[in-house]
Amino acid sequence: MKNYIIYNGLHSIEDMNVLIDTLSIPSINEVIENIDVEGRNGSLTIRYGNYLDRVIPFKFTLVRDINEPIESFIDRADNVLNWLELEDNNELITYLRPNKKYIVKAINKGEIEIENSRFINIEGEFICEPFIYELNEASVMLTQTSNLYYQGFVPGECNIKIYGSGNIQFTINDDTVQINDIDQYVELDSKFLLCLNSDKTSKTKDMIGNFPILNKGKNEISWIGNISKIEILPRTAYK
């Protein structure tokens, strides 16, 4: 199988006609600090619980077709550079893990090299969120208190839609959030720290408590109030 990526919904080979060197996917590590303490054997390690961005380097090669005008060849390179821009679909899929996706935050475009008017090499880096996510993840629909099993290796910054009315309390494990004066539904987004009405206006002023997070394994879901159903997108995340 040839090396490929899919970015902005376009396939590097099928749509962009570029070749990719073997990708190197770096590991991520928790941010820690080691502090030397007088009188202590070894350093004091402070674990901060967060992770830095994942930086994925790339090198693309365009090959000039036989009898292809140089102008057309350069235009193809411009198309690749335009492809490497942030758009609404900023998902990166690689041949190494075709059922998972990285979320691209920025792209550093580096050196562009032309070799003998036959090859154009484009180098750069995808700056991604630390974690990798399921490519196609379905929401979980609940109509009664239940358990939700989360398979991720890091806490799930889930998106939750609560359909109901009035004042409610929603609980995951031991954490409860209260939301008042619901009309139709309210949306909680733990990744972007948003509490929204059904018309997408802010409802943060009516929220008491923290944004819910899913833990690895079993999560107990319960609620109090006039709720007809709850829709949870786990955003299952892996290191």
C-alpha atoms as a PDB file:
ATOM      1  CA  MET A   1       0.000   0.000   0.000  1.00  0.00           C
ATOM      2  CA  LYS A   2       1.308   3.425  -0.905  1.00  0.00           C
ATOM      3  CA  ASN A   3       1.831   6.013   1.776  1.00  0.00           C
ATOM      4  CA  TYR A   4      -1.003   8.511   1.833  1.00  0.00           C
ATOM      5  CA  ILE A   5      -2.851  11.014   3.956  1.00  0.00           C
ATOM      6  CA  ILE A   6      -6.330  12.466   3.747  1.00  0.00           C
ATOM      7  CA  TYR A   7      -6.568  16.101   4.735  1.00  0.00           C
ATOM      8  CA  ASN A   8      -9.425  18.560   4.197  1.00  0.00           C
ATOM      9  CA  GLY A   9     -11.313  15.608   2.751  1.00  0.00           C
ATOM     10  CA  LEU A  10      -8.792  15.174  -0.104  1.00  0.00           C
ATOM     11  CA  HIS A  11      -6.612  12.126  -0.716  1.00  0.00           C
ATOM     12  CA  SER A  12      -2.934  12.919  -1.279  1.00  0.00           C
ATOM     13  CA  ILE A  13      -2.578  10.431  -4.147  1.00  0.00           C
ATOM     14  CA  GLU A  14      -6.024  10.202  -5.702  1.00  0.00           C
ATOM     15  CA  ASP A  15      -6.899  13.898  -5.514  1.00  0.00           C
ATOM     16  CA  MET A  16      -3.587  15.763  -5.242  1.00  0.00           C
ATOM     17  CA  ASN A  17      -1.235  13.391  -7.111  1.00  0.00           C
ATOM     18  CA  VAL A  18       1.607  13.809  -4.625  1.00  0.00           C
ATOM     19  CA  LEU A  19       3.933  11.200  -3.168  1.00  0.00           C
ATOM     20  CA  ILE A  20       4.624  11.044   0.561  1.00  0.00           C
ATOM     21  CA  ASP A  21       7.747   9.836   2.304  1.00  0.00           C
ATOM     22  CA  THR A  22       7.216   7.501   5.254  1.00  0.00           C
ATOM     23  CA  LEU A  23       5.381   9.406   7.962  1.00  0.00           C
ATOM     24  CA  SER A  24       6.857   9.699  11.428  1.00  0.00           C
ATOM     25  CA  ILE A  25       4.180  10.004  14.104  1.00  0.00           C
ATOM     26  CA  PRO A  26       5.782  11.232  17.345  1.00  0.00           C
ATOM     27  CA  SER A  27       4.625  10.032  20.725  1.00  0.00           C
ATOM     28  CA  ILE A  28       3.285  12.471  23.285  1.00  0.00           C
ATOM     29  CA  ASN A  29       4.221  12.688  26.939  1.00  0.00           C
ATOM     30  CA  GLU A  30       2.589  14.308  29.936  1.00  0.00           C
ATOM     31  CA  VAL A  31       4.129  17.644  30.871  1.00  0.00           C
ATOM     32  CA  ILE A  32       6.232  17.180  34.007  1.00  0.00           C
ATOM     33  CA  GLU A  33       8.790  19.215  35.914  1.00  0.00           C
ATOM     34  CA  ASN A  34      11.678  17.808  37.907  1.00  0.00           C
ATOM     35  CA  ILE A  35      12.845  20.017  40.786  1.00  0.00           C
ATOM     36  CA  ASP A  36      15.967  19.432  42.826  1.00  0.00           C
ATOM     37  CA  VAL A  37      15.224  19.781  46.543  1.00  0.00           C
ATOM     38  CA  GLU A  38      18.022  20.223  49.044  1.00  0.00           C
ATOM     39  CA  GLY A  39      18.275  17.254  51.351  1.00  0.00           C
ATOM     40  CA  ARG A  40      16.137  15.037  49.126  1.00  0.00           C
ATOM     41  CA  ASN A  41      17.397  11.995  47.245  1.00  0.00           C
ATOM     42  CA  GLY A  42      16.474  12.410  43.612  1.00  0.00           C
ATOM     43  CA  SER A  43      14.351  15.184  42.180  1.00  0.00           C
ATOM     44  CA  LEU A  44      10.775  16.094  43.042  1.00  0.00           C
ATOM     45  CA  THR A  45       8.558  15.334  40.054  1.00  0.00           C
ATOM     46  CA  ILE A  46       5.501  17.502  39.480  1.00  0.00           C
ATOM     47  CA  ARG A  47       2.976  16.087  37.022  1.00  0.00           C
ATOM     48  CA  TYR A  48       0.773  18.729  35.415  1.00  0.00           C
ATOM     49  CA  GLY A  49      -1.643  16.360  33.694  1.00  0.00           C
ATOM     50  CA  ASN A  50      -1.575  18.130  30.313  1.00  0.00           C
ATOM     51  CA  TYR A  51       0.086  17.329  27.002  1.00  0.00           C
ATOM     52  CA  LEU A  52       1.784  19.458  24.375  1.00  0.00           C
ATOM     53  CA  ASP A  53       0.704  19.565  20.729  1.00  0.00           C
ATOM     54  CA  ARG A  54       1.666  16.656  18.505  1.00  0.00           C
ATOM     55  CA  VAL A  55       3.885  17.838  15.628  1.00  0.00           C
ATOM     56  CA  ILE A  56       3.792  15.578  12.548  1.00  0.00           C
ATOM     57  CA  PRO A  57       6.460  16.379   9.921  1.00  0.00           C
ATOM     58  CA  PHE A  58       5.740  15.755   6.243  1.00  0.00           C
ATOM     59  CA  LYS A  59       7.523  15.783   2.909  1.00  0.00           C
ATOM     60  CA  PHE A  60       5.532  15.730  -0.327  1.00  0.00           C
ATOM     61  CA  THR A  61       7.020  15.108  -3.762  1.00  0.00           C
ATOM     62  CA  LEU A  62       5.422  16.097  -7.062  1.00  0.00           C
ATOM     63  CA  VAL A  63       6.690  14.407 -10.200  1.00  0.00           C
ATOM     64  CA  ARG A  64       6.477  16.252 -13.488  1.00  0.00           C
ATOM     65  CA  ASP A  65       4.595  14.303 -16.140  1.00  0.00           C
ATOM     66  CA  ILE A  66       6.192  13.613 -19.513  1.00  0.00           C
ATOM     67  CA  ASN A  67       5.627  16.597 -21.842  1.00  0.00           C
ATOM     68  CA  GLU A  68       3.936  18.548 -19.016  1.00  0.00           C
ATOM     69  CA  PRO A  69       4.598  22.293 -19.408  1.00  0.00           C
ATOM     70  CA  ILE A  70       6.604  23.758 -16.555  1.00  0.00           C
ATOM     71  CA  GLU A  71       3.827  26.284 -15.919  1.00  0.00           C
ATOM     72  CA  SER A  72       1.337  23.481 -15.350  1.00  0.00           C
ATOM     73  CA  PHE A  73       3.810  21.725 -13.060  1.00  0.00           C
ATOM     74  CA  ILE A  74       4.206  24.850 -10.924  1.00  0.00           C
ATOM     75  CA  ASP A  75       0.423  25.308 -10.855  1.00  0.00           C
ATOM     76  CA  ARG A  76       0.091  21.815  -9.397  1.00  0.00           C
ATOM     77  CA  ALA A  77       2.522  22.767  -6.655  1.00  0.00           C
ATOM     78  CA  ASP A  78       0.415  25.858  -5.911  1.00  0.00           C
ATOM     79  CA  ASN A  79      -2.652  23.623  -5.632  1.00  0.00           C
ATOM     80  CA  VAL A  80      -0.863  21.506  -3.030  1.00  0.00           C
ATOM     81  CA  LEU A  81       0.092  24.601  -1.036  1.00  0.00           C
ATOM     82  CA  ASN A  82      -3.522  25.815  -1.165  1.00  0.00           C
ATOM     83  CA  TRP A  83      -4.638  22.371   0.003  1.00  0.00           C
ATOM     84  CA  LEU A  84      -2.408  22.780   3.050  1.00  0.00           C
ATOM     85  CA  GLU A  85      -4.538  25.494   4.609  1.00  0.00           C
ATOM     86  CA  LEU A  86      -6.856  25.315   7.594  1.00  0.00           C
ATOM     87  CA  GLU A  87     -10.492  24.967   6.581  1.00  0.00           C
ATOM     88  CA  ASP A  88     -13.705  23.768   8.184  1.00  0.00           C
ATOM     89  CA  ASN A  89     -12.580  20.150   7.852  1.00  0.00           C
ATOM     90  CA  ASN A  90      -9.228  20.122   9.652  1.00  0.00           C
ATOM     91  CA  GLU A  91      -9.061  16.356  10.117  1.00  0.00           C
ATOM     92  CA  LEU A  92      -5.884  14.472   9.199  1.00  0.00           C
ATOM     93  CA  ILE A  93      -6.067  10.743   8.429  1.00  0.00           C
ATOM     94  CA  THR A  94      -2.936   8.696   7.730  1.00  0.00           C
ATOM     95  CA  TYR A  95      -2.347   5.305   6.119  1.00  0.00           C
ATOM     96  CA  LEU A  96      -0.812   4.191   9.416  1.00  0.00           C
ATOM     97  CA  ARG A  97      -4.124   4.479  11.307  1.00  0.00           C
ATOM     98  CA  PRO A  98      -6.909   4.812   8.737  1.00  0.00           C
ATOM     99  CA  ASN A  99      -9.694   4.419  11.328  1.00  0.00           C
ATOM    100  CA  LYS A 100      -8.466   7.323  13.495  1.00  0.00           C
ATOM    101  CA  LYS A 101      -8.051  11.065  12.952  1.00  0.00           C
ATOM    102  CA  TYR A 102      -5.808  13.872  14.140  1.00  0.00           C
ATOM    103  CA  ILE A 103      -7.176  17.393  14.563  1.00  0.00           C
ATOM    104  CA  VAL A 104      -4.918  19.917  12.837  1.00  0.00           C
ATOM    105  CA  LYS A 105      -4.506  23.292  14.572  1.00  0.00           C
ATOM    106  CA  ALA A 106      -1.925  24.853  12.256  1.00  0.00           C
ATOM    107  CA  ILE A 107       0.420  23.987   9.400  1.00  0.00           C
ATOM    108  CA  ASN A 108       4.007  25.159   9.138  1.00  0.00           C
ATOM    109  CA  LYS A 109       5.071  25.145   5.506  1.00  0.00           C
ATOM    110  CA  GLY A 110       8.812  24.841   5.205  1.00  0.00           C
ATOM    111  CA  GLU A 111      11.249  24.532   2.355  1.00  0.00           C
ATOM    112  CA  ILE A 112      10.064  24.125  -1.262  1.00  0.00           C
ATOM    113  CA  GLU A 113      12.736  22.588  -3.476  1.00  0.00           C
ATOM    114  CA  ILE A 114      12.726  22.128  -7.268  1.00  0.00           C
ATOM    115  CA  GLU A 115      15.033  19.392  -8.589  1.00  0.00           C
ATOM    116  CA  ASN A 116      16.045  19.581 -12.243  1.00  0.00           C
ATOM    117  CA  SER A 117      12.561  20.808 -13.227  1.00  0.00           C
ATOM    118  CA  ARG A 118      11.398  17.211 -12.679  1.00  0.00           C
ATOM    119  CA  PHE A 119      10.551  17.099  -8.981  1.00  0.00           C
ATOM    120  CA  ILE A 120       9.136  19.543  -6.472  1.00  0.00           C
ATOM    121  CA  ASN A 121       9.599  18.742  -2.776  1.00  0.00           C
ATOM    122  CA  ILE A 122       7.388  20.437  -0.200  1.00  0.00           C
ATOM    123  CA  GLU A 123       8.246  20.041   3.468  1.00  0.00           C
ATOM    124  CA  GLY A 124       6.429  21.171   6.583  1.00  0.00           C
ATOM    125  CA  GLU A 125       4.680  20.167   9.782  1.00  0.00           C
ATOM    126  CA  PHE A 126       1.124  19.492  10.862  1.00  0.00           C
ATOM    127  CA  ILE A 127       0.586  21.003  14.329  1.00  0.00           C
ATOM    128  CA  CYS A 128      -2.120  18.804  15.841  1.00  0.00           C
ATOM    129  CA  GLU A 129      -4.012  18.451  19.066  1.00  0.00           C
ATOM    130  CA  PRO A 130      -2.182  15.990  21.325  1.00  0.00           C
ATOM    131  CA  PHE A 131      -4.668  13.143  21.096  1.00  0.00           C
ATOM    132  CA  ILE A 132      -5.995  10.962  18.303  1.00  0.00           C
ATOM    133  CA  TYR A 133      -9.743  10.371  17.931  1.00  0.00           C
ATOM    134  CA  GLU A 134     -12.128   7.865  16.395  1.00  0.00           C
ATOM    135  CA  LEU A 135     -12.701   8.655  12.727  1.00  0.00           C
ATOM    136  CA  ASN A 136     -16.434   8.007  12.828  1.00  0.00           C
ATOM    137  CA  GLU A 137     -17.932   8.078  16.304  1.00  0.00           C
ATOM    138  CA  ALA A 138     -21.641   7.782  16.940  1.00  0.00           C
ATOM    139  CA  SER A 139     -23.466   9.568  19.728  1.00  0.00           C
ATOM    140  CA  VAL A 140     -24.969   7.552  22.560  1.00  0.00           C
ATOM    141  CA  MET A 141     -28.679   8.149  23.209  1.00  0.00           C
ATOM    142  CA  LEU A 142     -30.034   7.662  26.735  1.00  0.00           C
ATOM    143  CA  THR A 143     -33.664   7.798  27.850  1.00  0.00           C
ATOM    144  CA  GLN A 144     -33.068   6.512  31.369  1.00  0.00           C
ATOM    145  CA  THR A 145     -30.266   6.498  33.898  1.00  0.00           C
ATOM    146  CA  SER A 146     -27.591   4.131  32.698  1.00  0.00           C
ATOM    147  CA  ASN A 147     -23.891   3.295  32.512  1.00  0.00           C
ATOM    148  CA  LEU A 148     -21.685   4.448  29.663  1.00  0.00           C
ATOM    149  CA  TYR A 149     -18.426   2.609  28.991  1.00  0.00           C
ATOM    150  CA  TYR A 150     -15.656   4.854  27.722  1.00  0.00           C
ATOM    151  CA  GLN A 151     -12.773   3.174  25.882  1.00  0.00           C
ATOM    152  CA  GLY A 152     -10.370   6.115  25.609  1.00  0.00           C
ATOM    153  CA  PHE A 153      -6.979   6.309  27.300  1.00  0.00           C
ATOM    154  CA  VAL A 154      -7.451   9.936  28.394  1.00  0.00           C
ATOM    155  CA  PRO A 155     -10.601  11.581  29.830  1.00  0.00           C
ATOM    156  CA  GLY A 156     -13.328  12.200  27.271  1.00  0.00           C
ATOM    157  CA  GLU A 157     -14.164  15.879  26.723  1.00  0.00           C
ATOM    158  CA  CYS A 158     -17.664  14.991  25.624  1.00  0.00           C
ATOM    159  CA  ASN A 159     -20.467  16.918  23.959  1.00  0.00           C
ATOM    160  CA  ILE A 160     -23.849  16.462  25.626  1.00  0.00           C
ATOM    161  CA  LYS A 161     -27.318  17.524  24.499  1.00  0.00           C
ATOM    162  CA  ILE A 162     -29.953  17.411  27.201  1.00  0.00           C
ATOM    163  CA  TYR A 163     -33.525  17.498  25.881  1.00  0.00           C
ATOM    164  CA  GLY A 164     -36.081  18.726  28.371  1.00  0.00           C
ATOM    165  CA  SER A 165     -37.460  21.788  30.124  1.00  0.00           C
ATOM    166  CA  GLY A 166     -37.185  23.677  33.380  1.00  0.00           C
ATOM    167  CA  ASN A 167     -34.441  23.161  35.944  1.00  0.00           C
ATOM    168  CA  ILE A 168     -32.386  19.948  35.797  1.00  0.00           C
ATOM    169  CA  GLN A 169     -29.422  18.274  37.439  1.00  0.00           C
ATOM    170  CA  PHE A 170     -27.166  16.028  35.355  1.00  0.00           C
ATOM    171  CA  THR A 171     -24.579  13.723  36.947  1.00  0.00           C
ATOM    172  CA  ILE A 172     -21.646  11.712  35.631  1.00  0.00           C
ATOM    173  CA  ASN A 173     -20.213   9.575  38.419  1.00  0.00           C
ATOM    174  CA  ASP A 174     -19.828  12.005  41.367  1.00  0.00           C
ATOM    175  CA  ASP A 175     -19.892  15.275  39.394  1.00  0.00           C
ATOM    176  CA  THR A 176     -23.199  17.108  39.069  1.00  0.00           C
ATOM    177  CA  VAL A 177     -24.023  20.125  36.941  1.00  0.00           C
ATOM    178  CA  GLN A 178     -27.256  22.079  37.353  1.00  0.00           C
ATOM    179  CA  ILE A 179     -28.845  24.006  34.491  1.00  0.00           C
ATOM    180  CA  ASN A 180     -31.883  26.197  34.948  1.00  0.00           C
ATOM    181  CA  ASP A 181     -34.686  27.301  32.612  1.00  0.00           C
ATOM    182  CA  ILE A 182     -34.098  24.847  29.769  1.00  0.00           C
ATOM    183  CA  ASP A 183     -36.269  25.338  26.680  1.00  0.00           C
ATOM    184  CA  GLN A 184     -36.211  22.396  24.215  1.00  0.00           C
ATOM    185  CA  TYR A 185     -32.599  21.404  24.904  1.00  0.00           C
ATOM    186  CA  VAL A 186     -29.270  22.611  26.230  1.00  0.00           C
ATOM    187  CA  GLU A 187     -25.838  21.689  24.862  1.00  0.00           C
ATOM    188  CA  LEU A 188     -22.772  21.193  27.042  1.00  0.00           C
ATOM    189  CA  ASP A 189     -19.403  21.020  25.309  1.00  0.00           C
ATOM    190  CA  SER A 190     -16.624  20.037  27.690  1.00  0.00           C
ATOM    191  CA  LYS A 191     -13.891  20.483  25.104  1.00  0.00           C
ATOM    192  CA  PHE A 192     -14.722  24.062  24.196  1.00  0.00           C
ATOM    193  CA  LEU A 193     -16.300  24.924  27.583  1.00  0.00           C
ATOM    194  CA  LEU A 194     -19.601  25.990  26.057  1.00  0.00           C
ATOM    195  CA  CYS A 195     -23.106  25.889  27.465  1.00  0.00           C
ATOM    196  CA  LEU A 196     -25.586  26.735  24.718  1.00  0.00           C
ATOM    197  CA  ASN A 197     -29.324  27.152  24.266  1.00  0.00           C
ATOM    198  CA  SER A 198     -31.094  25.408  21.405  1.00  0.00           C
ATOM    199  CA  ASP A 199     -30.667  28.631  19.386  1.00  0.00           C
ATOM    200  CA  LYS A 200     -26.866  28.468  20.007  1.00  0.00           C
ATOM    201  CA  THR A 201     -26.832  31.476  22.361  1.00  0.00           C
ATOM    202  CA  SER A 202     -24.871  31.229  25.596  1.00  0.00           C
ATOM    203  CA  LYS A 203     -26.544  29.709  28.641  1.00  0.00           C
ATOM    204  CA  THR A 204     -23.516  29.796  30.923  1.00  0.00           C
ATOM    205  CA  LYS A 205     -25.268  32.142  33.376  1.00  0.00           C
ATOM    206  CA  ASP A 206     -27.826  29.398  34.059  1.00  0.00           C
ATOM    207  CA  MET A 207     -25.190  26.729  34.657  1.00  0.00           C
ATOM    208  CA  ILE A 208     -23.903  25.743  38.109  1.00  0.00           C
ATOM    209  CA  GLY A 209     -21.032  23.268  38.293  1.00  0.00           C
ATOM    210  CA  ASN A 210     -18.268  21.944  36.075  1.00  0.00           C
ATOM    211  CA  PHE A 211     -18.384  20.611  32.536  1.00  0.00           C
ATOM    212  CA  PRO A 212     -18.828  16.815  32.570  1.00  0.00           C
ATOM    213  CA  ILE A 213     -15.889  14.536  31.718  1.00  0.00           C
ATOM    214  CA  LEU A 214     -15.927  10.810  30.921  1.00  0.00           C
ATOM    215  CA  ASN A 215     -13.426   8.557  32.685  1.00  0.00           C
ATOM    216  CA  LYS A 216     -11.932   5.363  31.296  1.00  0.00           C
ATOM    217  CA  GLY A 217     -14.233   2.404  31.893  1.00  0.00           C
ATOM    218  CA  LYS A 218     -17.689   2.582  33.439  1.00  0.00           C
ATOM    219  CA  ASN A 219     -19.386   5.964  33.918  1.00  0.00           C
ATOM    220  CA  GLU A 220     -22.638   6.212  35.846  1.00  0.00           C
ATOM    221  CA  ILE A 221     -25.088   8.616  34.174  1.00  0.00           C
ATOM    222  CA  SER A 222     -28.100   9.953  36.080  1.00  0.00           C
ATOM    223  CA  TRP A 223     -30.287  13.038  36.226  1.00  0.00           C
ATOM    224  CA  ILE A 224     -33.080  14.808  38.045  1.00  0.00           C
ATOM    225  CA  GLY A 225     -35.740  16.884  36.318  1.00  0.00           C
ATOM    226  CA  ASN A 226     -37.961  16.913  33.260  1.00  0.00           C
ATOM    227  CA  ILE A 227     -35.635  15.265  30.731  1.00  0.00           C
ATOM    228  CA  SER A 228     -36.875  13.226  27.770  1.00  0.00           C
ATOM    229  CA  LYS A 229     -33.504  12.077  26.424  1.00  0.00           C
ATOM    230  CA  ILE A 230     -29.781  12.761  26.534  1.00  0.00           C
ATOM    231  CA  GLU A 231     -27.400  12.541  23.579  1.00  0.00           C
ATOM    232  CA  ILE A 232     -23.685  12.073  24.378  1.00  0.00           C
ATOM    233  CA  LEU A 233     -20.818  12.255  21.898  1.00  0.00           C
ATOM    234  CA  PRO A 234     -17.923  10.797  23.947  1.00  0.00           C
ATOM    235  CA  ARG A 235     -15.056  12.196  21.803  1.00  0.00           C
ATOM    236  CA  THR A 236     -13.062   9.084  22.593  1.00  0.00           C
ATOM    237  CA  ALA A 237      -9.405  10.106  22.779  1.00  0.00           C
ATOM    238  CA  TYR A 238      -6.183   8.076  22.648  1.00  0.00           C
ATOM    239  CA  LYS A 239      -2.526   8.945  23.218  1.00  0.00           C
END
